[in-house]
PDB file of N, CA and C in Angstrom:
ATOM      1  N   UNK A   1      -7.448  12.399  12.588  1.00  0.00           N
ATOM      2  CA  UNK A   1      -7.012  13.075  11.379  1.00  0.00           C
ATOM      3  C   UNK A   1      -7.874  12.627  10.217  1.00  0.00           C
ATOM      4  N   UNK A   2      -8.050  13.481   9.254  1.00  0.00           N
ATOM      5  CA  UNK A   2      -8.853  13.179   8.082  1.00  0.00           C
ATOM      6  C   UNK A   2      -8.139  12.156   7.202  1.00  0.00           C
ATOM      7  N   UNK A   3      -8.873  11.586   6.247  1.00  0.00           N
ATOM      8  CA  UNK A   3      -8.276  10.557   5.405  1.00  0.00           C
ATOM      9  C   UNK A   3      -7.175  11.127   4.512  1.00  0.00           C
ATOM     10  N   UNK A   4      -7.358  12.344   3.989  1.00  0.00           N
ATOM     11  CA  UNK A   4      -6.333  12.976   3.163  1.00  0.00           C
ATOM     12  C   UNK A   4      -5.454  13.854   4.038  1.00  0.00           C
ATOM     13  N   UNK A   5      -4.237  14.077   3.580  1.00  0.00           N
ATOM     14  CA  UNK A   5      -3.315  14.918   4.337  1.00  0.00           C
ATOM     15  C   UNK A   5      -3.727  16.382   4.218  1.00  0.00           C
ATOM     16  N   UNK A   6      -3.709  17.125   5.326  1.00  0.00           N
ATOM     17  CA  UNK A   6      -4.063  18.543   5.269  1.00  0.00           C
ATOM     18  C   UNK A   6      -2.957  19.399   4.658  1.00  0.00           C
ATOM     19  N   UNK A   7      -1.758  18.844   4.490  1.00  0.00           N
ATOM     20  CA  UNK A   7      -0.646  19.595   3.911  1.00  0.00           C
ATOM     21  C   UNK A   7      -0.754  19.542   2.395  1.00  0.00           C
ATOM     22  N   UNK A   8      -0.835  20.718   1.767  1.00  0.00           N
ATOM     23  CA  UNK A   8      -0.927  20.796   0.314  1.00  0.00           C
ATOM     24  C   UNK A   8       0.469  20.795  -0.304  1.00  0.00           C
ATOM     25  N   UNK A   9       1.338  21.707   0.168  1.00  0.00           N
ATOM     26  CA  UNK A   9       2.697  21.780  -0.357  1.00  0.00           C
ATOM     27  C   UNK A   9       3.590  22.513   0.631  1.00  0.00           C
ATOM     28  N   UNK A  10       4.893  22.351   0.452  1.00  0.00           N
ATOM     29  CA  UNK A  10       5.865  23.091   1.253  1.00  0.00           C
ATOM     30  C   UNK A  10       5.990  24.492   0.668  1.00  0.00           C
ATOM     31  N   UNK A  11       6.084  25.488   1.537  1.00  0.00           N
ATOM     32  CA  UNK A  11       6.203  26.876   1.110  1.00  0.00           C
ATOM     33  C   UNK A  11       7.678  27.255   1.188  1.00  0.00           C
ATOM     34  N   UNK A  12       8.283  27.532   0.031  1.00  0.00           N
ATOM     35  CA  UNK A  12       9.701  27.842  -0.022  1.00  0.00           C
ATOM     36  C   UNK A  12       9.867  29.271  -0.532  1.00  0.00           C
ATOM     37  N   UNK A  13      10.237  30.170   0.370  1.00  0.00           N
ATOM     38  CA  UNK A  13      10.543  31.553   0.046  1.00  0.00           C
ATOM     39  C   UNK A  13      11.885  31.889   0.690  1.00  0.00           C
ATOM     40  N   UNK A  14      12.379  33.097   0.464  1.00  0.00           N
ATOM     41  CA  UNK A  14      13.636  33.488   1.097  1.00  0.00           C
ATOM     42  C   UNK A  14      13.498  33.489   2.617  1.00  0.00           C
ATOM     43  N   UNK A  15      12.393  34.021   3.096  1.00  0.00           N
ATOM     44  CA  UNK A  15      12.180  34.103   4.540  1.00  0.00           C
ATOM     45  C   UNK A  15      12.034  32.715   5.166  1.00  0.00           C
ATOM     46  N   UNK A  16      11.309  31.823   4.496  1.00  0.00           N
ATOM     47  CA  UNK A  16      11.141  30.475   5.055  1.00  0.00           C
ATOM     48  C   UNK A  16      12.432  29.666   4.966  1.00  0.00           C
ATOM     49  N   UNK A  17      13.265  29.939   3.974  1.00  0.00           N
ATOM     50  CA  UNK A  17      14.551  29.244   3.871  1.00  0.00           C
ATOM     51  C   UNK A  17      15.479  29.621   5.018  1.00  0.00           C
ATOM     52  N   UNK A  18      15.461  30.878   5.437  1.00  0.00           N
ATOM     53  CA  UNK A  18      16.265  31.304   6.580  1.00  0.00           C
ATOM     54  C   UNK A  18      15.728  30.675   7.861  1.00  0.00           C
ATOM     55  N   UNK A  19      14.403  30.579   7.975  1.00  0.00           N
ATOM     56  CA  UNK A  19      13.787  29.992   9.170  1.00  0.00           C
ATOM     57  C   UNK A  19      14.063  28.496   9.274  1.00  0.00           C
ATOM     58  N   UNK A  20      14.320  27.834   8.146  1.00  0.00           N
ATOM     59  CA  UNK A  20      14.600  26.396   8.179  1.00  0.00           C
ATOM     60  C   UNK A  20      15.882  26.093   8.943  1.00  0.00           C
ATOM     61  N   UNK A  21      16.836  27.014   8.957  1.00  0.00           N
ATOM     62  CA  UNK A  21      18.065  26.777   9.710  1.00  0.00           C
ATOM     63  C   UNK A  21      17.812  26.803  11.216  1.00  0.00           C
ATOM     64  N   UNK A  22      16.675  27.357  11.635  1.00  0.00           N
ATOM     65  CA  UNK A  22      16.295  27.387  13.047  1.00  0.00           C
ATOM     66  C   UNK A  22      15.262  26.311  13.380  1.00  0.00           C
ATOM     67  N   UNK A  23      14.986  25.408  12.435  1.00  0.00           N
ATOM     68  CA  UNK A  23      14.057  24.306  12.681  1.00  0.00           C
ATOM     69  C   UNK A  23      12.603  24.659  12.460  1.00  0.00           C
ATOM     70  N   UNK A  24      12.310  25.724  11.687  1.00  0.00           N
ATOM     71  CA  UNK A  24      10.933  26.118  11.397  1.00  0.00           C
ATOM     72  C   UNK A  24      10.662  25.909   9.917  1.00  0.00           C
ATOM     73  N   UNK A  25       9.579  25.205   9.612  1.00  0.00           N
ATOM     74  CA  UNK A  25       9.230  24.863   8.237  1.00  0.00           C
ATOM     75  C   UNK A  25       7.822  25.354   7.933  1.00  0.00           C
ATOM     76  N   UNK A  26       7.631  25.906   6.733  1.00  0.00           N
ATOM     77  CA  UNK A  26       6.349  26.487   6.337  1.00  0.00           C
ATOM     78  C   UNK A  26       5.651  25.590   5.320  1.00  0.00           C
ATOM     79  N   UNK A  27       4.332  25.456   5.480  1.00  0.00           N
ATOM     80  CA  UNK A  27       3.524  24.648   4.582  1.00  0.00           C
ATOM     81  C   UNK A  27       2.235  25.386   4.244  1.00  0.00           C
ATOM     82  N   UNK A  28       1.748  25.196   3.019  1.00  0.00           N
ATOM     83  CA  UNK A  28       0.416  25.643   2.653  1.00  0.00           C
ATOM     84  C   UNK A  28      -0.514  24.488   3.015  1.00  0.00           C
ATOM     85  N   UNK A  29      -1.580  24.782   3.763  1.00  0.00           N
ATOM     86  CA  UNK A  29      -2.472  23.734   4.252  1.00  0.00           C
ATOM     87  C   UNK A  29      -3.911  24.021   3.827  1.00  0.00           C
ATOM     88  N   UNK A  30      -4.776  23.035   4.004  1.00  0.00           N
ATOM     89  CA  UNK A  30      -6.186  23.226   3.682  1.00  0.00           C
ATOM     90  C   UNK A  30      -6.827  24.186   4.673  1.00  0.00           C
ATOM     91  N   UNK A  31      -7.897  24.830   4.246  1.00  0.00           N
ATOM     92  CA  UNK A  31      -8.517  25.851   5.088  1.00  0.00           C
ATOM     93  C   UNK A  31      -9.195  25.283   6.327  1.00  0.00           C
ATOM     94  N   UNK A  32      -9.579  24.003   6.304  1.00  0.00           N
ATOM     95  CA  UNK A  32     -10.251  23.415   7.461  1.00  0.00           C
ATOM     96  C   UNK A  32      -9.285  22.654   8.380  1.00  0.00           C
ATOM     97  N   UNK A  33      -7.972  22.748   8.124  1.00  0.00           N
ATOM     98  CA  UNK A  33      -6.980  22.030   8.933  1.00  0.00           C
ATOM     99  C   UNK A  33      -6.815  22.699  10.297  1.00  0.00           C
ATOM    100  N   UNK A  34      -6.596  21.872  11.318  1.00  0.00           N
ATOM    101  CA  UNK A  34      -6.323  22.368  12.665  1.00  0.00           C
ATOM    102  C   UNK A  34      -4.862  22.114  12.999  1.00  0.00           C
ATOM    103  N   UNK A  35      -4.408  22.669  14.120  1.00  0.00           N
ATOM    104  CA  UNK A  35      -3.022  22.481  14.539  1.00  0.00           C
ATOM    105  C   UNK A  35      -2.716  21.012  14.810  1.00  0.00           C
ATOM    106  N   UNK A  36      -3.677  20.312  15.372  1.00  0.00           N
ATOM    107  CA  UNK A  36      -3.483  18.888  15.680  1.00  0.00           C
ATOM    108  C   UNK A  36      -3.373  18.082  14.388  1.00  0.00           C
ATOM    109  N   UNK A  37      -4.194  18.425  13.366  1.00  0.00           N
ATOM    110  CA  UNK A  37      -4.109  17.746  12.074  1.00  0.00           C
ATOM    111  C   UNK A  37      -2.726  17.941  11.447  1.00  0.00           C
ATOM    112  N   UNK A  38      -2.205  19.157  11.507  1.00  0.00           N
ATOM    113  CA  UNK A  38      -0.897  19.452  10.931  1.00  0.00           C
ATOM    114  C   UNK A  38       0.203  18.698  11.666  1.00  0.00           C
ATOM    115  N   UNK A  39       0.117  18.677  12.993  1.00  0.00           N
ATOM    116  CA  UNK A  39       1.112  17.974  13.805  1.00  0.00           C
ATOM    117  C   UNK A  39       1.131  16.485  13.469  1.00  0.00           C
ATOM    118  N   UNK A  40      -0.047  15.879  13.355  1.00  0.00           N
ATOM    119  CA  UNK A  40      -0.129  14.459  13.016  1.00  0.00           C
ATOM    120  C   UNK A  40       0.333  14.192  11.590  1.00  0.00           C
ATOM    121  N   UNK A  41       0.052  15.102  10.667  1.00  0.00           N
ATOM    122  CA  UNK A  41       0.471  14.910   9.275  1.00  0.00           C
ATOM    123  C   UNK A  41       1.985  14.983   9.129  1.00  0.00           C
ATOM    124  N   UNK A  42       2.639  15.906   9.842  1.00  0.00           N
ATOM    125  CA  UNK A  42       4.102  16.000   9.788  1.00  0.00           C
ATOM    126  C   UNK A  42       4.715  14.740  10.393  1.00  0.00           C
ATOM    127  N   UNK A  43       4.142  14.241  11.471  1.00  0.00           N
ATOM    128  CA  UNK A  43       4.632  13.002  12.089  1.00  0.00           C
ATOM    129  C   UNK A  43       4.493  11.826  11.126  1.00  0.00           C
ATOM    130  N   UNK A  44       3.358  11.779  10.406  1.00  0.00           N
ATOM    131  CA  UNK A  44       3.093  10.671   9.491  1.00  0.00           C
ATOM    132  C   UNK A  44       3.930  10.771   8.208  1.00  0.00           C
ATOM    133  N   UNK A  45       4.007  11.968   7.607  1.00  0.00           N
ATOM    134  CA  UNK A  45       4.685  12.120   6.321  1.00  0.00           C
ATOM    135  C   UNK A  45       6.207  12.208   6.449  1.00  0.00           C
ATOM    136  N   UNK A  46       6.696  12.900   7.471  1.00  0.00           N
ATOM    137  CA  UNK A  46       8.134  13.144   7.598  1.00  0.00           C
ATOM    138  C   UNK A  46       8.788  12.364   8.735  1.00  0.00           C
ATOM    139  N   UNK A  47       7.995  11.821   9.670  1.00  0.00           N
ATOM    140  CA  UNK A  47       8.554  11.068  10.778  1.00  0.00           C
ATOM    141  C   UNK A  47       9.257  11.929  11.807  1.00  0.00           C
ATOM    142  N   UNK A  48       8.865  13.194  11.925  1.00  0.00           N
ATOM    143  CA  UNK A  48       9.497  14.132  12.851  1.00  0.00           C
ATOM    144  C   UNK A  48       8.523  14.524  13.959  1.00  0.00           C
ATOM    145  N   UNK A  49       9.074  14.753  15.169  1.00  0.00           N
ATOM    146  CA  UNK A  49       8.261  15.223  16.284  1.00  0.00           C
ATOM    147  C   UNK A  49       8.142  16.738  16.202  1.00  0.00           C
ATOM    148  N   UNK A  50       6.938  17.251  16.446  1.00  0.00           N
ATOM    149  CA  UNK A  50       6.656  18.676  16.321  1.00  0.00           C
ATOM    150  C   UNK A  50       6.549  19.303  17.703  1.00  0.00           C
ATOM    151  N   UNK A  51       7.225  20.429  17.885  1.00  0.00           N
ATOM    152  CA  UNK A  51       7.142  21.156  19.147  1.00  0.00           C
ATOM    153  C   UNK A  51       5.943  22.092  19.145  1.00  0.00           C
ATOM    154  N   UNK A  52       5.777  22.878  18.081  1.00  0.00           N
ATOM    155  CA  UNK A  52       4.646  23.805  18.012  1.00  0.00           C
ATOM    156  C   UNK A  52       4.236  24.035  16.567  1.00  0.00           C
ATOM    157  N   UNK A  53       2.992  24.491  16.405  1.00  0.00           N
ATOM    158  CA  UNK A  53       2.440  24.818  15.091  1.00  0.00           C
ATOM    159  C   UNK A  53       1.784  26.190  15.191  1.00  0.00           C
ATOM    160  N   UNK A  54       2.198  27.109  14.339  1.00  0.00           N
ATOM    161  CA  UNK A  54       1.572  28.422  14.238  1.00  0.00           C
ATOM    162  C   UNK A  54       0.880  28.501  12.886  1.00  0.00           C
ATOM    163  N   UNK A  55      -0.352  29.014  12.885  1.00  0.00           N
ATOM    164  CA  UNK A  55      -1.120  29.080  11.644  1.00  0.00           C
ATOM    165  C   UNK A  55      -1.570  30.500  11.374  1.00  0.00           C
ATOM    166  N   UNK A  56      -1.687  30.828  10.085  1.00  0.00           N
ATOM    167  CA  UNK A  56      -2.173  32.148   9.697  1.00  0.00           C
ATOM    168  C   UNK A  56      -2.887  32.044   8.356  1.00  0.00           C
ATOM    169  N   UNK A  57      -3.809  32.965   8.136  1.00  0.00           N
ATOM    170  CA  UNK A  57      -4.536  33.030   6.878  1.00  0.00           C
ATOM    171  C   UNK A  57      -4.070  34.273   6.136  1.00  0.00           C
ATOM    172  N   UNK A  58      -3.543  34.080   4.929  1.00  0.00           N
ATOM    173  CA  UNK A  58      -3.149  35.204   4.093  1.00  0.00           C
ATOM    174  C   UNK A  58      -4.355  35.638   3.284  1.00  0.00           C
ATOM    175  N   UNK A  59      -4.715  36.910   3.323  1.00  0.00           N
ATOM    176  CA  UNK A  59      -5.920  37.352   2.609  1.00  0.00           C
ATOM    177  C   UNK A  59      -5.706  37.374   1.102  1.00  0.00           C
ATOM    178  N   UNK A  60      -6.824  37.400   0.375  1.00  0.00           N
ATOM    179  CA  UNK A  60      -6.707  37.490  -1.075  1.00  0.00           C
ATOM    180  C   UNK A  60      -6.134  38.852  -1.441  1.00  0.00           C
ATOM    181  N   UNK A  61      -5.492  38.903  -2.597  1.00  0.00           N
ATOM    182  CA  UNK A  61      -4.798  40.114  -2.987  1.00  0.00           C
ATOM    183  C   UNK A  61      -5.053  40.398  -4.462  1.00  0.00           C
ATOM    184  N   UNK A  62      -5.359  41.635  -4.764  1.00  0.00           N
ATOM    185  CA  UNK A  62      -5.538  42.077  -6.142  1.00  0.00           C
ATOM    186  C   UNK A  62      -4.570  43.222  -6.395  1.00  0.00           C
ATOM    187  N   UNK A  63      -3.820  43.143  -7.488  1.00  0.00           N
ATOM    188  CA  UNK A  63      -2.864  44.201  -7.780  1.00  0.00           C
ATOM    189  C   UNK A  63      -2.749  44.388  -9.290  1.00  0.00           C
ATOM    190  N   UNK A  64      -2.225  45.533  -9.689  1.00  0.00           N
ATOM    191  CA  UNK A  64      -2.017  45.855 -11.089  1.00  0.00           C
ATOM    192  C   UNK A  64      -0.619  45.423 -11.495  1.00  0.00           C
ATOM    193  N   UNK A  65      -0.520  44.666 -12.581  1.00  0.00           N
ATOM    194  CA  UNK A  65       0.783  44.200 -13.035  1.00  0.00           C
ATOM    195  C   UNK A  65       1.579  45.348 -13.630  1.00  0.00           C
ATOM    196  N   UNK A  66       2.878  45.287 -13.442  1.00  0.00           N
ATOM    197  CA  UNK A  66       3.762  46.344 -13.914  1.00  0.00           C
ATOM    198  C   UNK A  66       3.789  46.383 -15.451  1.00  0.00           C
ATOM    199  N   UNK A  67       3.584  47.569 -15.997  1.00  0.00           N
ATOM    200  CA  UNK A  67       3.668  47.752 -17.440  1.00  0.00           C
ATOM    201  C   UNK A  67       2.455  47.281 -18.216  1.00  0.00           C
ATOM    202  N   UNK A  68       1.466  46.722 -17.523  1.00  0.00           N
ATOM    203  CA  UNK A  68       0.266  46.217 -18.200  1.00  0.00           C
ATOM    204  C   UNK A  68      -0.953  46.709 -17.445  1.00  0.00           C
ATOM    205  N   UNK A  69      -2.031  46.844 -18.130  1.00  0.00           N
ATOM    206  CA  UNK A  69      -3.276  47.199 -17.468  1.00  0.00           C
ATOM    207  C   UNK A  69      -4.092  45.928 -17.240  1.00  0.00           C
ATOM    208  N   UNK A  70      -3.495  45.027 -16.476  1.00  0.00           N
ATOM    209  CA  UNK A  70      -4.116  43.745 -16.166  1.00  0.00           C
ATOM    210  C   UNK A  70      -4.097  43.571 -14.655  1.00  0.00           C
ATOM    211  N   UNK A  71      -5.229  43.200 -14.086  1.00  0.00           N
ATOM    212  CA  UNK A  71      -5.311  42.953 -12.657  1.00  0.00           C
ATOM    213  C   UNK A  71      -4.960  41.501 -12.371  1.00  0.00           C
ATOM    214  N   UNK A  72      -4.013  41.282 -11.474  1.00  0.00           N
ATOM    215  CA  UNK A  72      -3.623  39.937 -11.053  1.00  0.00           C
ATOM    216  C   UNK A  72      -4.297  39.650  -9.719  1.00  0.00           C
ATOM    217  N   UNK A  73      -4.880  38.470  -9.588  1.00  0.00           N
ATOM    218  CA  UNK A  73      -5.578  38.099  -8.360  1.00  0.00           C
ATOM    219  C   UNK A  73      -4.922  36.875  -7.747  1.00  0.00           C
ATOM    220  N   UNK A  74      -4.661  36.944  -6.439  1.00  0.00           N
ATOM    221  CA  UNK A  74      -4.141  35.817  -5.686  1.00  0.00           C
ATOM    222  C   UNK A  74      -5.216  35.408  -4.692  1.00  0.00           C
ATOM    223  N   UNK A  75      -5.605  34.147  -4.655  1.00  0.00           N
ATOM    224  CA  UNK A  75      -6.632  33.733  -3.700  1.00  0.00           C
ATOM    225  C   UNK A  75      -6.110  33.703  -2.268  1.00  0.00           C
ATOM    226  N   UNK A  76      -7.004  33.699  -1.318  1.00  0.00           N
ATOM    227  CA  UNK A  76      -6.630  33.561   0.088  1.00  0.00           C
ATOM    228  C   UNK A  76      -6.161  32.130   0.332  1.00  0.00           C
ATOM    229  N   UNK A  77      -5.194  31.970   1.237  1.00  0.00           N
ATOM    230  CA  UNK A  77      -4.724  30.632   1.576  1.00  0.00           C
ATOM    231  C   UNK A  77      -4.312  30.591   3.036  1.00  0.00           C
ATOM    232  N   UNK A  78      -4.231  29.377   3.574  1.00  0.00           N
ATOM    233  CA  UNK A  78      -3.853  29.167   4.967  1.00  0.00           C
ATOM    234  C   UNK A  78      -2.447  28.589   5.010  1.00  0.00           C
ATOM    235  N   UNK A  79      -1.639  29.093   5.923  1.00  0.00           N
ATOM    236  CA  UNK A  79      -0.236  28.705   6.024  1.00  0.00           C
ATOM    237  C   UNK A  79       0.044  28.238   7.448  1.00  0.00           C
ATOM    238  N   UNK A  80       0.893  27.226   7.584  1.00  0.00           N
ATOM    239  CA  UNK A  80       1.290  26.718   8.898  1.00  0.00           C
ATOM    240  C   UNK A  80       2.810  26.740   9.002  1.00  0.00           C
ATOM    241  N   UNK A  81       3.321  27.248  10.129  1.00  0.00           N
ATOM    242  CA  UNK A  81       4.747  27.227  10.418  1.00  0.00           C
ATOM    243  C   UNK A  81       4.957  26.204  11.527  1.00  0.00           C
ATOM    244  N   UNK A  82       5.717  25.163  11.219  1.00  0.00           N
ATOM    245  CA  UNK A  82       5.930  24.039  12.127  1.00  0.00           C
ATOM    246  C   UNK A  82       7.337  24.130  12.706  1.00  0.00           C
ATOM    247  N   UNK A  83       7.452  24.073  14.041  1.00  0.00           N
ATOM    248  CA  UNK A  83       8.740  24.053  14.719  1.00  0.00           C
ATOM    249  C   UNK A  83       9.009  22.635  15.198  1.00  0.00           C
ATOM    250  N   UNK A  84      10.164  22.090  14.823  1.00  0.00           N
ATOM    251  CA  UNK A  84      10.519  20.726  15.203  1.00  0.00           C
ATOM    252  C   UNK A  84      11.169  20.701  16.573  1.00  0.00           C
ATOM    253  N   UNK A  85      11.040  19.554  17.256  1.00  0.00           N
ATOM    254  CA  UNK A  85      11.675  19.378  18.562  1.00  0.00           C
ATOM    255  C   UNK A  85      13.170  19.166  18.371  1.00  0.00           C
ATOM    256  N   UNK A  86      13.942  19.727  19.271  1.00  0.00           N
ATOM    257  CA  UNK A  86      15.387  19.552  19.218  1.00  0.00           C
ATOM    258  C   UNK A  86      16.012  20.315  18.062  1.00  0.00           C
ATOM    259  N   UNK A  87      17.183  19.894  17.671  1.00  0.00           N
ATOM    260  CA  UNK A  87      17.922  20.535  16.582  1.00  0.00           C
ATOM    261  C   UNK A  87      17.811  19.723  15.296  1.00  0.00           C
ATOM    262  N   UNK A  88      16.683  19.080  15.072  1.00  0.00           N
ATOM    263  CA  UNK A  88      16.517  18.227  13.901  1.00  0.00           C
ATOM    264  C   UNK A  88      16.194  19.059  12.669  1.00  0.00           C
ATOM    265  N   UNK A  89      16.599  18.540  11.506  1.00  0.00           N
ATOM    266  CA  UNK A  89      16.292  19.177  10.231  1.00  0.00           C
ATOM    267  C   UNK A  89      15.656  18.143   9.309  1.00  0.00           C
ATOM    268  N   UNK A  90      14.959  18.645   8.296  1.00  0.00           N
ATOM    269  CA  UNK A  90      14.346  17.751   7.318  1.00  0.00           C
ATOM    270  C   UNK A  90      14.292  18.467   5.977  1.00  0.00           C
ATOM    271  N   UNK A  91      14.041  17.728   4.931  1.00  0.00           N
ATOM    272  CA  UNK A  91      13.845  18.301   3.608  1.00  0.00           C
ATOM    273  C   UNK A  91      12.340  18.343   3.372  1.00  0.00           C
ATOM    274  N   UNK A  92      11.721  19.532   3.379  1.00  0.00           N
ATOM    275  CA  UNK A  92      10.261  19.599   3.278  1.00  0.00           C
ATOM    276  C   UNK A  92       9.713  19.148   1.936  1.00  0.00           C
ATOM    277  N   UNK A  93      10.549  19.092   0.890  1.00  0.00           N
ATOM    278  CA  UNK A  93      10.050  18.674  -0.416  1.00  0.00           C
ATOM    279  C   UNK A  93       9.995  17.156  -0.552  1.00  0.00           C
ATOM    280  N   UNK A  94      10.693  16.440   0.327  1.00  0.00           N
ATOM    281  CA  UNK A  94      10.701  14.980   0.277  1.00  0.00           C
ATOM    282  C   UNK A  94      10.089  14.432   1.551  1.00  0.00           C
ATOM    283  N   UNK A  95       9.218  13.464   1.402  1.00  0.00           N
ATOM    284  CA  UNK A  95       8.607  12.847   2.568  1.00  0.00           C
ATOM    285  C   UNK A  95       8.685  11.346   2.434  1.00  0.00           C
ATOM    286  N   UNK A  96       8.654  10.668   3.594  1.00  0.00           N
ATOM    287  CA  UNK A  96       8.724   9.211   3.553  1.00  0.00           C
ATOM    288  C   UNK A  96       7.344   8.659   3.274  1.00  0.00           C
ATOM    289  N   UNK A  97       7.319   7.528   2.622  1.00  0.00           N
ATOM    290  CA  UNK A  97       6.047   6.888   2.267  1.00  0.00           C
ATOM    291  C   UNK A  97       5.386   6.334   3.510  1.00  0.00           C
ATOM    292  N   UNK A  98       4.074   6.597   3.700  1.00  0.00           N
ATOM    293  CA  UNK A  98       3.391   6.005   4.856  1.00  0.00           C
ATOM    294  C   UNK A  98       3.307   4.496   4.720  1.00  0.00           C
ATOM    295  N   UNK A  99       3.358   3.832   5.861  1.00  0.00           N
ATOM    296  CA  UNK A  99       3.313   2.374   5.869  1.00  0.00           C
ATOM    297  C   UNK A  99       1.923   1.882   5.506  1.00  0.00           C
ATOM    298  N   UNK A 100       1.865   0.891   4.642  1.00  0.00           N
ATOM    299  CA  UNK A 100       0.580   0.301   4.243  1.00  0.00           C
ATOM    300  C   UNK A 100       0.117  -0.661   5.317  1.00  0.00           C
ATOM    301  N   UNK A 101      -1.178  -0.652   5.566  1.00  0.00           N
ATOM    302  CA  UNK A 101      -1.737  -1.536   6.604  1.00  0.00           C
ATOM    303  C   UNK A 101      -2.295  -2.774   5.987  1.00  0.00           C
TER     304      UNK A 101
END
């Protein structure tokens, strides 16, 4: 695993909140992160065992804002959906501190 964590932030939307009750958690990750990096980072930051990791890249998006003639741009980002082993749950916004060596 790289020196920095590949997890940027937890992704909290209505759809991801419903998936959390089934043990699936969504994270925004770095573009060069692999499934193994994500699995190791969740183990290190949250102390949870991971069953599977699904990753996807959301493309950049340009749209016209409502009521204004202004174009809003969203950059492309990479997202990972992590499924935990068993019926375990966690709070994705809080993580345990890694042990100092």
